[in-house]
C-alpha atoms as a PDB file:
ATOM      1  CA  MET A   1     141.039  84.099 111.117  1.00  0.00           C
ATOM      2  CA  ALA A   2     138.612  86.336 113.762  1.00  0.00           C
ATOM      3  CA  LEU A   3     134.940  84.862 113.123  1.00  0.00           C
ATOM      4  CA  HIS A   4     132.390  88.020 112.752  1.00  0.00           C
ATOM      5  CA  GLN A   5     128.462  87.940 112.566  1.00  0.00           C
ATOM      6  CA  VAL A   6     126.674  89.088 109.257  1.00  0.00           C
ATOM      7  CA  GLN A   7     122.951  89.548 109.042  1.00  0.00           C
ATOM      8  CA  TYR A   8     121.211  86.984 106.225  1.00  0.00           C
ATOM      9  CA  ASP A   9     117.811  86.981 105.037  1.00  0.00           C
ATOM     10  CA  ASP A  10     118.168  83.701 102.780  1.00  0.00           C
ATOM     11  CA  ALA A  11     116.585  85.860  99.952  1.00  0.00           C
ATOM     12  CA  ARG A  12     115.948  84.323  96.472  1.00  0.00           C
ATOM     13  CA  THR A  13     113.663  84.548  93.763  1.00  0.00           C
ATOM     14  CA  LEU A  14     110.352  82.629  94.011  1.00  0.00           C
ATOM     15  CA  ASN A  15     107.541  82.284  91.314  1.00  0.00           C
ATOM     16  CA  LEU A  16     104.262  83.490  92.269  1.00  0.00           C
ATOM     17  CA  ASP A  17     100.965  82.112  90.203  1.00  0.00           C
ATOM     18  CA  VAL A  18      98.196  84.991  90.571  1.00  0.00           C
ATOM     19  CA  THR A  19      94.960  83.747  89.844  1.00  0.00           C
ATOM     20  CA  SER A  20      92.679  86.763  88.495  1.00  0.00           C
ATOM     21  CA  SER A  21      89.035  87.470  87.865  1.00  0.00           C
ATOM     22  CA  GLN A  22      87.580  89.106  85.281  1.00  0.00           C
ATOM     23  CA  ALA A  23      85.271  92.398  84.737  1.00  0.00           C
ATOM     24  CA  ARG A  24      81.832  91.794  84.960  1.00  0.00           C
ATOM     25  CA  ASN A  25      78.424  93.268  86.161  1.00  0.00           C
ATOM     26  CA  ILE A  26      76.813  92.687  89.580  1.00  0.00           C
ATOM     27  CA  PRO A  27      72.873  93.469  89.168  1.00  0.00           C
ATOM     28  CA  PHE A  28      70.592  94.703  91.520  1.00  0.00           C
ATOM     29  CA  PRO A  29      67.841  92.317  93.357  1.00  0.00           C
ATOM     30  CA  MET A  30      64.804  94.547  92.754  1.00  0.00           C
ATOM     31  CA  ASP A  31      63.323  97.367  90.595  1.00  0.00           C
ATOM     32  CA  GLY A  32      63.005 101.097  91.493  1.00  0.00           C
ATOM     33  CA  THR A  33      64.649 104.457  91.770  1.00  0.00           C
ATOM     34  CA  ILE A  34      68.030 104.547  93.258  1.00  0.00           C
ATOM     35  CA  THR A  35      67.360 107.031  96.218  1.00  0.00           C
ATOM     36  CA  TYR A  36      70.459 106.421  98.135  1.00  0.00           C
ATOM     37  CA  ALA A  37      74.276 105.566  96.809  1.00  0.00           C
ATOM     38  CA  GLU A  38      77.361 106.279  98.326  1.00  0.00           C
ATOM     39  CA  CYS A  39      80.498 103.873  97.644  1.00  0.00           C
ATOM     40  CA  PRO A  40      84.126 103.989  99.262  1.00  0.00           C
ATOM     41  CA  THR A  41      86.571 105.820  97.265  1.00  0.00           C
ATOM     42  CA  ASP A  42      88.924 103.118  96.448  1.00  0.00           C
ATOM     43  CA  GLY A  43      85.684 100.903  95.160  1.00  0.00           C
ATOM     44  CA  LEU A  44      86.461  97.860  97.446  1.00  0.00           C
ATOM     45  CA  ILE A  45      82.795  96.604  98.156  1.00  0.00           C
ATOM     46  CA  ALA A  46      83.052  94.846 102.049  1.00  0.00           C
ATOM     47  CA  SER A  47      80.372  92.404 102.880  1.00  0.00           C
ATOM     48  CA  GLY A  48      77.972  93.478 105.053  1.00  0.00           C
ATOM     49  CA  SER A  49      78.051  97.323 103.968  1.00  0.00           C
ATOM     50  CA  HIS A  50      75.634  99.535 102.461  1.00  0.00           C
ATOM     51  CA  GLU A  51      75.819 101.139  99.139  1.00  0.00           C
ATOM     52  CA  TYR A  52      72.373 101.821  97.866  1.00  0.00           C
ATOM     53  CA  ASP A  53      68.750 102.416  98.725  1.00  0.00           C
ATOM     54  CA  ILE A  54      66.089 101.653  96.295  1.00  0.00           C
ATOM     55  CA  ASP A  55      63.016 103.386  96.981  1.00  0.00           C
ATOM     56  CA  GLY A  56      64.405 104.269 100.328  1.00  0.00           C
ATOM     57  CA  ILE A  57      64.687 100.678 101.202  1.00  0.00           C
ATOM     58  CA  PRO A  58      68.081  99.715 101.881  1.00  0.00           C
ATOM     59  CA  LEU A  59      70.199  97.208 100.137  1.00  0.00           C
ATOM     60  CA  ILE A  60      72.854  95.292 102.158  1.00  0.00           C
ATOM     61  CA  SER A  61      76.128  94.043 100.041  1.00  0.00           C
ATOM     62  CA  LEU A  62      76.943  90.672 101.042  1.00  0.00           C
ATOM     63  CA  HIS A  63      78.841  87.530 100.506  1.00  0.00           C
ATOM     64  CA  THR A  64      77.636  84.233 100.994  1.00  0.00           C
ATOM     65  CA  GLU A  65      79.531  81.055 100.028  1.00  0.00           C
ATOM     66  CA  VAL A  66      76.080  79.859  98.566  1.00  0.00           C
ATOM     67  CA  PRO A  67      74.177  82.844  96.663  1.00  0.00           C
ATOM     68  CA  LEU A  68      71.253  83.750  98.493  1.00  0.00           C
ATOM     69  CA  PHE A  69      68.252  82.818  96.179  1.00  0.00           C
ATOM     70  CA  ARG A  70      65.122  82.589  98.271  1.00  0.00           C
ATOM     71  CA  ASP A  71      63.165  84.318 100.832  1.00  0.00           C
ATOM     72  CA  LEU A  72      63.657  82.680 104.126  1.00  0.00           C
ATOM     73  CA  ALA A  73      61.190  81.868 107.160  1.00  0.00           C
ATOM     74  CA  TYR A  74      61.206  80.093 110.531  1.00  0.00           C
ATOM     75  CA  GLY A  75      62.262  76.105 109.875  1.00  0.00           C
ATOM     76  CA  ASP A  76      63.485  76.261 106.253  1.00  0.00           C
ATOM     77  CA  LYS A  77      66.790  74.649 106.119  1.00  0.00           C
ATOM     78  CA  GLY A  78      69.398  74.220 103.293  1.00  0.00           C
ATOM     79  CA  ASP A  79      73.192  75.213 102.347  1.00  0.00           C
ATOM     80  CA  ASP A  80      72.152  78.872 101.540  1.00  0.00           C
ATOM     81  CA  ILE A  81      71.094  79.134 105.167  1.00  0.00           C
ATOM     82  CA  GLN A  82      74.210  77.489 106.519  1.00  0.00           C
ATOM     83  CA  ALA A  83      75.845  80.021 104.225  1.00  0.00           C
ATOM     84  CA  LEU A  84      73.943  82.946 105.588  1.00  0.00           C
ATOM     85  CA  GLN A  85      74.754  82.054 108.832  1.00  0.00           C
ATOM     86  CA  ASN A  86      78.307  81.452 108.313  1.00  0.00           C
ATOM     87  CA  GLU A  87      78.763  84.651 106.983  1.00  0.00           C
ATOM     88  CA  LEU A  88      76.591  86.543 109.615  1.00  0.00           C
ATOM     89  CA  ALA A  89      78.722  84.763 112.491  1.00  0.00           C
ATOM     90  CA  ARG A  90      82.293  85.950 110.690  1.00  0.00           C
ATOM     91  CA  LEU A  91      80.739  89.400 110.581  1.00  0.00           C
ATOM     92  CA  GLY A  92      80.451  89.520 114.444  1.00  0.00           C
ATOM     93  CA  TYR A  93      76.733  88.756 114.522  1.00  0.00           C
ATOM     94  CA  GLY A  94      75.706  85.763 116.999  1.00  0.00           C
ATOM     95  CA  THR A  95      73.340  82.965 115.175  1.00  0.00           C
ATOM     96  CA  SER A  96      72.930  79.937 115.381  1.00  0.00           C
ATOM     97  CA  LEU A  97      75.284  77.244 112.825  1.00  0.00           C
ATOM     98  CA  SER A  98      72.923  74.728 112.123  1.00  0.00           C
ATOM     99  CA  GLY A  99      71.667  75.241 108.645  1.00  0.00           C
ATOM    100  CA  THR A 100      67.776  75.880 110.029  1.00  0.00           C
ATOM    101  CA  PHE A 101      66.761  79.389 109.885  1.00  0.00           C
ATOM    102  CA  ASP A 102      65.548  80.053 113.542  1.00  0.00           C
ATOM    103  CA  TRP A 103      65.025  83.060 115.684  1.00  0.00           C
ATOM    104  CA  ASN A 104      68.778  83.722 116.576  1.00  0.00           C
ATOM    105  CA  THR A 105      69.505  83.818 112.430  1.00  0.00           C
ATOM    106  CA  TRP A 106      66.828  86.276 111.869  1.00  0.00           C
ATOM    107  CA  ASN A 107      67.992  88.436 114.817  1.00  0.00           C
ATOM    108  CA  ALA A 108      71.105  88.811 113.526  1.00  0.00           C
ATOM    109  CA  TRP A 109      69.937  89.801 110.316  1.00  0.00           C
ATOM    110  CA  ARG A 110      67.845  92.114 111.724  1.00  0.00           C
ATOM    111  CA  ALA A 111      70.522  93.418 113.545  1.00  0.00           C
ATOM    112  CA  LEU A 112      72.850  93.697 110.573  1.00  0.00           C
ATOM    113  CA  TYR A 113      69.790  95.311 108.747  1.00  0.00           C
ATOM    114  CA  ALA A 114      69.158  97.906 111.079  1.00  0.00           C
ATOM    115  CA  LEU A 115      72.757  99.277 110.932  1.00  0.00           C
ATOM    116  CA  ALA A 116      72.100 100.329 107.492  1.00  0.00           C
ATOM    117  CA  GLY A 117      68.717 102.080 108.673  1.00  0.00           C
ATOM    118  CA  GLY A 118      66.136  99.084 107.751  1.00  0.00           C
ATOM    119  CA  THR A 119      63.591  97.249 109.695  1.00  0.00           C
ATOM    120  CA  ALA A 120      63.551  93.604 108.597  1.00  0.00           C
ATOM    121  CA  GLN A 121      60.292  92.162 108.318  1.00  0.00           C
ATOM    122  CA  ASN A 122      59.681  89.815 112.067  1.00  0.00           C
ATOM    123  CA  GLY A 123      60.632  86.177 111.013  1.00  0.00           C
ATOM    124  CA  VAL A 124      61.247  86.534 107.530  1.00  0.00           C
ATOM    125  CA  PHE A 125      64.664  86.787 105.532  1.00  0.00           C
ATOM    126  CA  ASP A 126      63.775  88.922 102.319  1.00  0.00           C
ATOM    127  CA  HIS A 127      66.634  87.867  99.799  1.00  0.00           C
ATOM    128  CA  ASN A 128      65.637  90.978  97.406  1.00  0.00           C
ATOM    129  CA  LEU A 129      67.297  93.339 100.108  1.00  0.00           C
ATOM    130  CA  ILE A 130      70.554  91.618  99.130  1.00  0.00           C
ATOM    131  CA  VAL A 131      73.141  92.541  96.456  1.00  0.00           C
ATOM    132  CA  TRP A 132      75.207  89.411  96.211  1.00  0.00           C
ATOM    133  CA  ILE A 133      78.885  89.738  96.080  1.00  0.00           C
ATOM    134  CA  SER A 134      81.425  86.983  95.106  1.00  0.00           C
ATOM    135  CA  THR A 135      83.781  87.489  97.757  1.00  0.00           C
ATOM    136  CA  ASP A 136      84.210  89.174 101.198  1.00  0.00           C
ATOM    137  CA  ASN A 137      85.737  92.411  99.582  1.00  0.00           C
ATOM    138  CA  MET A 138      84.826  92.836  96.111  1.00  0.00           C
ATOM    139  CA  SER A 139      87.116  95.191  94.052  1.00  0.00           C
ATOM    140  CA  THR A 140      84.749  97.190  91.845  1.00  0.00           C
ATOM    141  CA  THR A 141      84.903 100.430  89.803  1.00  0.00           C
ATOM    142  CA  GLY A 142      82.452 102.204  92.177  1.00  0.00           C
ATOM    143  CA  CYS A 143      78.980 102.722  92.244  1.00  0.00           C
ATOM    144  CA  ALA A 144      77.789 102.058  88.747  1.00  0.00           C
ATOM    145  CA  ALA A 145      73.995 103.591  89.104  1.00  0.00           C
ATOM    146  CA  GLU A 146      73.850 107.276  90.236  1.00  0.00           C
ATOM    147  CA  LEU A 147      71.382 108.536  92.613  1.00  0.00           C
ATOM    148  CA  GLY A 148      68.104 108.988  90.850  1.00  0.00           C
ATOM    149  CA  ALA A 149      68.359 106.385  88.493  1.00  0.00           C
ATOM    150  CA  SER A 150      65.793 103.931  87.621  1.00  0.00           C
ATOM    151  CA  VAL A 151      66.939 100.263  88.146  1.00  0.00           C
ATOM    152  CA  THR A 152      65.359  96.765  87.183  1.00  0.00           C
ATOM    153  CA  ALA A 153      67.030  93.469  88.396  1.00  0.00           C
ATOM    154  CA  ASP A 154      67.482  92.727  84.574  1.00  0.00           C
ATOM    155  CA  SER A 155      68.865  95.976  83.399  1.00  0.00           C
ATOM    156  CA  ASP A 156      71.781  97.073  81.776  1.00  0.00           C
ATOM    157  CA  MET A 157      72.735  99.638  84.655  1.00  0.00           C
ATOM    158  CA  PRO A 158      74.350  97.196  87.248  1.00  0.00           C
ATOM    159  CA  ALA A 159      75.015  98.196  91.102  1.00  0.00           C
ATOM    160  CA  PHE A 160      78.440  97.547  90.352  1.00  0.00           C
ATOM    161  CA  THR A 161      80.912  96.437  87.821  1.00  0.00           C
ATOM    162  CA  THR A 162      83.869  94.870  89.010  1.00  0.00           C
ATOM    163  CA  SER A 163      87.381  95.631  88.413  1.00  0.00           C
ATOM    164  CA  LEU A 164      90.195  93.166  87.177  1.00  0.00           C
ATOM    165  CA  GLY A 165      90.662  91.538  90.564  1.00  0.00           C
ATOM    166  CA  VAL A 166      93.301  89.295  92.203  1.00  0.00           C
ATOM    167  CA  GLN A 167      91.586  85.969  93.650  1.00  0.00           C
ATOM    168  CA  ARG A 168      94.738  84.139  95.043  1.00  0.00           C
ATOM    169  CA  ILE A 169      98.246  84.484  95.383  1.00  0.00           C
ATOM    170  CA  LYS A 170     100.401  80.971  95.921  1.00  0.00           C
ATOM    171  CA  ALA A 171     103.772  79.902  94.894  1.00  0.00           C
ATOM    172  CA  ASN A 172     104.643  77.575  92.195  1.00  0.00           C
ATOM    173  CA  ALA A 173     106.894  75.770  94.482  1.00  0.00           C
ATOM    174  CA  LEU A 174     108.779  76.183  97.618  1.00  0.00           C
ATOM    175  CA  PRO A 175     112.302  76.126  97.652  1.00  0.00           C
ATOM    176  CA  GLN A 176     113.141  72.720  99.538  1.00  0.00           C
ATOM    177  CA  ASN A 177     116.564  74.105 101.238  1.00  0.00           C
ATOM    178  CA  ARG A 178     115.173  77.247 102.474  1.00  0.00           C
ATOM    179  CA  ILE A 179     115.891  78.329 106.511  1.00  0.00           C
ATOM    180  CA  ALA A 180     113.171  77.572 108.504  1.00  0.00           C
ATOM    181  CA  GLY A 181     111.107  81.003 109.913  1.00  0.00           C
ATOM    182  CA  GLU A 182     108.481  83.613 109.045  1.00  0.00           C
ATOM    183  CA  ARG A 183     108.778  84.506 105.558  1.00  0.00           C
ATOM    184  CA  VAL A 184     107.767  87.375 103.356  1.00  0.00           C
ATOM    185  CA  VAL A 185     107.195  88.474  99.946  1.00  0.00           C
ATOM    186  CA  THR A 186     108.240  91.452  97.968  1.00  0.00           C
ATOM    187  CA  ILE A 187     105.442  93.169  96.060  1.00  0.00           C
ATOM    188  CA  ASN A 188     105.225  96.824  94.309  1.00  0.00           C
ATOM    189  CA  GLU A 189     108.259  97.499  97.158  1.00  0.00           C
ATOM    190  CA  GLN A 190     106.328  96.516 100.004  1.00  0.00           C
ATOM    191  CA  ASP A 191     106.400  92.997 102.112  1.00  0.00           C
ATOM    192  CA  TYR A 192     103.714  90.776 102.872  1.00  0.00           C
ATOM    193  CA  PRO A 193     103.685  87.331 104.498  1.00  0.00           C
ATOM    194  CA  ILE A 194     103.577  84.223 103.055  1.00  0.00           C
ATOM    195  CA  ASP A 195     102.588  80.788 104.781  1.00  0.00           C
ATOM    196  CA  ASP A 196     104.307  77.885 104.976  1.00  0.00           C
ATOM    197  CA  ASN A 197     102.139  76.210 102.274  1.00  0.00           C
ATOM    198  CA  GLY A 198     103.369  79.207  99.910  1.00  0.00           C
ATOM    199  CA  GLU A 199     100.175  81.417  99.790  1.00  0.00           C
ATOM    200  CA  VAL A 200      99.746  84.719 100.334  1.00  0.00           C
ATOM    201  CA  THR A 201      96.269  85.789 101.650  1.00  0.00           C
ATOM    202  CA  ASP A 202      96.644  89.281 103.166  1.00  0.00           C
ATOM    203  CA  PRO A 203      93.829  91.322 101.280  1.00  0.00           C
ATOM    204  CA  ASN A 204      96.563  94.343 100.956  1.00  0.00           C
ATOM    205  CA  ALA A 205      98.934  92.051  99.248  1.00  0.00           C
ATOM    206  CA  LEU A 206      96.248  91.289  96.580  1.00  0.00           C
ATOM    207  CA  ALA A 207      95.437  94.855  96.125  1.00  0.00           C
ATOM    208  CA  ALA A 208      99.261  95.767  95.590  1.00  0.00           C
ATOM    209  CA  MET A 209      99.640  92.761  93.077  1.00  0.00           C
ATOM    210  CA  LEU A 210      96.902  94.487  90.915  1.00  0.00           C
ATOM    211  CA  SER A 211      98.568  97.777  90.822  1.00  0.00           C
ATOM    212  CA  TRP A 212     102.079  96.283  90.445  1.00  0.00           C
ATOM    213  CA  ASN A 213     103.572  97.008  87.108  1.00  0.00           C
ATOM    214  CA  THR A 214     105.774  93.320  87.111  1.00  0.00           C
ATOM    215  CA  TYR A 215     102.280  91.804  87.350  1.00  0.00           C
ATOM    216  CA  LEU A 216     100.315  93.787  84.516  1.00  0.00           C
ATOM    217  CA  ASP A 217     103.284  93.448  82.232  1.00  0.00           C
ATOM    218  CA  ASN A 218     103.252  89.871  82.899  1.00  0.00           C
ATOM    219  CA  HIS A 219      99.304  89.348  82.507  1.00  0.00           C
ATOM    220  CA  LYS A 220      97.134  88.513  79.695  1.00  0.00           C
ATOM    221  CA  ASP A 221      93.473  89.030  79.376  1.00  0.00           C
ATOM    222  CA  GLU A 222      92.848  85.597  77.992  1.00  0.00           C
ATOM    223  CA  GLN A 223      94.988  84.363  81.394  1.00  0.00           C
ATOM    224  CA  SER A 224      93.356  83.346  84.234  1.00  0.00           C
ATOM    225  CA  THR A 225      96.533  82.651  85.860  1.00  0.00           C
ATOM    226  CA  THR A 226      99.779  84.487  85.986  1.00  0.00           C
ATOM    227  CA  SER A 227     103.457  83.759  86.742  1.00  0.00           C
ATOM    228  CA  VAL A 228     105.052  86.875  88.507  1.00  0.00           C
ATOM    229  CA  PRO A 229     108.677  86.724  90.018  1.00  0.00           C
ATOM    230  CA  VAL A 230     109.145  87.917  93.619  1.00  0.00           C
ATOM    231  CA  ASN A 231     111.871  88.572  96.187  1.00  0.00           C
ATOM    232  CA  TYR A 232     111.247  85.770  99.078  1.00  0.00           C
ATOM    233  CA  LYS A 233     112.767  86.206 102.161  1.00  0.00           C
ATOM    234  CA  LEU A 234     113.281  85.789 105.896  1.00  0.00           C
ATOM    235  CA  LYS A 235     110.921  88.157 107.835  1.00  0.00           C
ATOM    236  CA  GLN A 236     113.636  88.457 110.230  1.00  0.00           C
ATOM    237  CA  SER A 237     117.238  88.193 109.302  1.00  0.00           C
ATOM    238  CA  ILE A 238     119.354  85.775 111.198  1.00  0.00           C
ATOM    239  CA  ASN A 239     122.823  86.035 112.310  1.00  0.00           C
ATOM    240  CA  VAL A 240     125.283  83.938 110.202  1.00  0.00           C
ATOM    241  CA  TYR A 241     129.211  83.926 109.656  1.00  0.00           C
ATOM    242  CA  SER A 242     130.776  84.193 106.642  1.00  0.00           C
ATOM    243  CA  VAL A 243     133.582  82.277 106.377  1.00  0.00           C
ATOM    244  CA  PRO A 244     136.362  80.888 103.230  1.00  0.00           C
ATOM    245  CA  ALA A 245     135.057  77.852 101.666  1.00  0.00           C
ATOM    246  CA  GLU A 246     138.177  75.772 102.580  1.00  0.00           C
ATOM    247  CA  SER A 247     137.691  76.478 106.354  1.00  0.00           C
ATOM    248  CA  LEU A 248     135.208  74.102 106.341  1.00  0.00           C
ATOM    249  CA  ILE A 249     135.870  70.217 106.750  1.00  0.00           C
ATOM    250  CA  GLY A 250     133.700  66.908 106.630  1.00  0.00           C
ATOM    251  CA  LEU A 251     130.973  68.443 104.499  1.00  0.00           C
ATOM    252  CA  ASN A 252     128.101  65.921 104.113  1.00  0.00           C
ATOM    253  CA  ARG A 253     125.146  68.162 102.312  1.00  0.00           C
ATOM    254  CA  SER A 254     124.963  71.223 104.556  1.00  0.00           C
ATOM    255  CA  ASP A 255     126.577  69.688 107.662  1.00  0.00           C
ATOM    256  CA  GLY A 256     130.517  69.926 108.527  1.00  0.00           C
ATOM    257  CA  CYS A 257     132.948  71.658 110.831  1.00  0.00           C
ATOM    258  CA  VAL A 258     135.179  74.504 111.109  1.00  0.00           C
ATOM    259  CA  VAL A 259     138.045  73.934 113.726  1.00  0.00           C
ATOM    260  CA  ASP A 260     138.571  76.045 116.592  1.00  0.00           C
ATOM    261  CA  SER A 261     142.135  77.929 115.968  1.00  0.00           C
ATOM    262  CA  SER A 262     142.737  78.188 119.935  1.00  0.00           C
ATOM    263  CA  ASN A 263     142.344  73.983 120.454  1.00  0.00           C
ATOM    264  CA  ASN A 264     142.569  72.414 117.172  1.00  0.00           C
ATOM    265  CA  LYS A 265     139.178  71.120 117.773  1.00  0.00           C
ATOM    266  CA  PRO A 266     136.206  70.751 115.489  1.00  0.00           C
ATOM    267  CA  VAL A 267     133.085  72.315 116.067  1.00  0.00           C
ATOM    268  CA  ASN A 268     129.767  71.365 114.244  1.00  0.00           C
ATOM    269  CA  ALA A 269     128.868  73.931 111.581  1.00  0.00           C
ATOM    270  CA  HIS A 270     126.001  74.222 109.026  1.00  0.00           C
ATOM    271  CA  VAL A 271     125.986  75.812 105.535  1.00  0.00           C
ATOM    272  CA  VAL A 272     123.196  78.308 105.185  1.00  0.00           C
ATOM    273  CA  GLY A 273     124.097  80.020 101.981  1.00  0.00           C
ATOM    274  CA  SER A 274     126.975  82.234 100.098  1.00  0.00           C
ATOM    275  CA  SER A 275     127.578  85.664  99.462  1.00  0.00           C
ATOM    276  CA  LEU A 276     130.354  87.220  97.459  1.00  0.00           C
ATOM    277  CA  GLY A 277     132.582  84.034  97.264  1.00  0.00           C
ATOM    278  CA  ARG A 278     132.298  83.148 100.772  1.00  0.00           C
ATOM    279  CA  THR A 279     130.478  80.349 102.613  1.00  0.00           C
ATOM    280  CA  LEU A 280     127.664  81.293 105.255  1.00  0.00           C
ATOM    281  CA  ILE A 281     127.302  79.189 108.458  1.00  0.00           C
ATOM    282  CA  THR A 282     125.684  78.772 111.538  1.00  0.00           C
ATOM    283  CA  ILE A 283     127.430  77.294 114.474  1.00  0.00           C
ATOM    284  CA  ASP A 284     126.438  74.915 116.998  1.00  0.00           C
ATOM    285  CA  GLY A 285     126.262  76.465 120.650  1.00  0.00           C
ATOM    286  CA  ASP A 286     129.142  78.888 121.621  1.00  0.00           C
ATOM    287  CA  ALA A 287     131.233  79.859 118.729  1.00  0.00           C
ATOM    288  CA  PRO A 288     135.102  80.242 118.854  1.00  0.00           C
ATOM    289  CA  LYS A 289     136.827  83.531 118.414  1.00  0.00           C
ATOM    290  CA  THR A 290     138.845  82.340 115.425  1.00  0.00           C
ATOM    291  CA  ILE A 291     138.901  79.372 113.362  1.00  0.00           C
ATOM    292  CA  GLN A 292     141.420  77.856 110.906  1.00  0.00           C
ATOM    293  CA  ILE A 293     141.687  78.837 107.071  1.00  0.00           C
ATOM    294  CA  SER A 294     142.854  75.791 105.965  1.00  0.00           C
ATOM    295  CA  PRO A 295     142.404  73.457 108.803  1.00  0.00           C
ATOM    296  CA  GLU A 296     145.467  70.599 109.671  1.00  0.00           C
ATOM    297  CA  THR A 297     142.723  67.951 111.027  1.00  0.00           C
ATOM    298  CA  GLN A 298     140.071  66.542 108.500  1.00  0.00           C
ATOM    299  CA  SER A 299     137.999  64.828 111.106  1.00  0.00           C
ATOM    300  CA  CYS A 300     134.661  66.353 111.696  1.00  0.00           C
ATOM    301  CA  ASP A 301     133.871  64.448 115.044  1.00  0.00           C
ATOM    302  CA  ALA A 302     132.871  67.307 117.116  1.00  0.00           C
ATOM    303  CA  SER A 303     131.750  65.191 120.203  1.00  0.00           C
END
């Protein structure tokens, strides 16, 4: 029989564990009157952005791994300072990463604050100018406070109310016999990359999961983790050959041979899957033009 190539993406079903975050209020850091309020239409608050002024003073929405709980001055040290430095550096502002509040750290903060129209006090970081957010891109219902509203740090009117969010997407387990190569999963009819550890980190994938009926139908309010089945496949399909199962000889797990019809010699082949009752294989080196369907030889010595 003649050999013909077909495209194969090694598609299969994979269960993803989706970890969600529940809705909660994000408070203002100070008391006063809202004199500026402007939120993205999609409600996605990015670290380093500016959504509010109180009494004409700009506030910066900022995520740090350690919440910012105190004012800082030159020489102060601590994990909160290290977290601030790490985030300023991630946002593209040159700063030291020493865990000590120094001129470079202040200057990076000054530059960020200036983008919002604010003037940082010389040599000082005022933590009351920060609306601390729990992730670097936090999904919210939008600005919870309106222009002209009077707010306090402990009032019932928060800066933001988070919506149901997706914090992490990770495969429960990856197939052991998968073909090596870049992989994607299909979420809400779109493909997103999944790494070799089974994690999906693309922010667009997290947002797509949140709006996908398959996830919403499986999610229960009391659960923090929801299992969702998805299509898991190669990002780029590979060329394989579709052959009858009886054309393979000497099979040892997925390795065996087919026999070249032109010279009756075995050729190394590797089983990668099956489709429509036929076996899908790859072949080492140049593939023969034709193979024997029921080989006379049963020796798989292709040396």
